[in-house]
Amino acid sequence: MNTTVWIAPSATSYACLCEQCLESARVRGDLFADALHSASVRGNVALETTVAAIRCPAGHELTLRRVERPPSLSRPDDRQLSLK
């Protein structure tokens, strides 16, 4: 499983959560606050970077993609947050 993080055209830094770390914490029964702390990934990115591979502290690969607006999911995903 690879997590894709969509960043704005003007972004020079990012902050996200590693989905694999969150899932591992859930399986272990970790407290939610501890899971958030261990899954947190932050860093800087150059303006000219359009795609970059980054790693969380546990070593899971995440992909940064610079786009105007993320594409819609190709198929509905019940795990995706939906605001109405």
Protein backbone atom coordinates (compact mmCIF):
# COMPACT_ATOMS: atom_id res chain seq x y z
CA MET A 1 0.00 0.00 0.00
CA ASN A 2 1.44 3.39 -0.98
CA THR A 3 0.05 6.63 0.40
CA THR A 4 -0.18 9.57 -2.02
CA VAL A 5 -0.04 13.06 -0.55
CA TRP A 6 -1.36 15.84 -2.79
CA ILE A 7 0.34 19.20 -2.30
CA ALA A 8 -0.60 22.63 -3.62
CA PRO A 9 1.45 24.32 -6.37
CA SER A 10 2.84 26.87 -3.90
CA ALA A 11 3.64 24.43 -1.07
CA THR A 12 7.22 24.34 0.22
CA SER A 13 6.48 22.07 3.17
CA TYR A 14 4.12 19.22 3.95
CA ALA A 15 2.63 17.43 6.94
CA CYS A 16 0.73 14.17 6.60
CA LEU A 17 0.06 10.82 8.21
CA CYS A 18 1.40 7.46 7.07
CA GLU A 19 -1.59 5.18 6.53
CA GLN A 20 0.48 2.04 7.06
CA CYS A 21 1.68 3.30 10.45
CA LEU A 22 -1.89 4.18 11.44
CA GLU A 23 -3.10 0.71 10.47
CA SER A 24 -0.26 -0.96 12.37
CA ALA A 25 -1.10 1.11 15.45
CA ARG A 26 -4.77 0.15 15.14
CA VAL A 27 -3.90 -3.56 14.97
CA ARG A 28 -1.62 -3.23 18.01
CA GLY A 29 -4.39 -1.41 19.91
CA ASP A 30 -2.37 1.76 20.45
CA LEU A 31 -4.06 4.86 21.80
CA PHE A 32 -5.21 7.18 19.01
CA ALA A 33 -2.94 10.03 20.16
CA ASP A 34 0.07 7.69 20.16
CA ALA A 35 -0.87 6.44 16.67
CA LEU A 36 -1.05 10.01 15.35
CA HIS A 37 2.34 10.84 16.84
CA SER A 38 4.08 7.77 15.39
CA ALA A 39 2.45 8.19 11.93
CA SER A 40 3.28 11.90 11.55
CA VAL A 41 5.48 12.81 8.58
CA ARG A 42 6.71 16.38 7.97
CA GLY A 43 9.24 17.96 5.70
CA ASN A 44 10.14 20.51 3.07
CA VAL A 45 9.83 20.25 -0.68
CA ALA A 46 11.32 22.42 -3.43
CA LEU A 47 8.86 24.43 -5.53
CA GLU A 48 10.09 22.81 -8.74
CA THR A 49 9.43 19.29 -7.42
CA THR A 50 6.33 17.75 -9.02
CA VAL A 51 6.67 14.20 -7.66
CA ALA A 52 8.81 12.94 -4.79
CA ALA A 53 9.15 9.73 -2.81
CA ILE A 54 9.48 10.25 0.94
CA ARG A 55 9.62 7.87 3.87
CA CYS A 56 7.97 7.94 7.27
CA PRO A 57 10.10 7.29 10.39
CA ALA A 58 9.20 3.57 10.14
CA GLY A 59 10.44 3.44 6.53
CA HIS A 60 7.14 3.23 4.64
CA GLU A 61 7.21 5.00 1.28
CA LEU A 62 4.80 7.86 0.59
CA THR A 63 4.47 9.76 -2.68
CA LEU A 64 4.18 13.55 -2.83
CA ARG A 65 2.41 14.88 -5.94
CA ARG A 66 2.06 18.55 -6.76
CA VAL A 67 -1.24 19.32 -8.50
CA GLU A 68 -3.83 22.09 -8.71
CA ARG A 69 -6.54 19.78 -7.38
CA PRO A 70 -6.41 16.06 -6.59
CA PRO A 71 -8.29 13.85 -9.05
CA SER A 72 -11.48 12.15 -7.94
CA LEU A 73 -11.22 8.61 -6.68
CA SER A 74 -11.61 6.17 -9.56
CA ARG A 75 -13.82 4.04 -7.36
CA PRO A 76 -15.63 4.96 -4.17
CA ASP A 77 -13.71 4.15 -1.03
CA ASP A 78 -15.68 3.93 2.22
CA ARG A 79 -12.54 4.95 4.14
CA GLN A 80 -12.38 8.30 2.30
CA LEU A 81 -13.63 11.23 4.35
CA SER A 82 -16.66 12.83 2.74
CA LEU A 83 -17.83 16.28 3.78
CA LYS A 84 -21.34 17.35 2.88
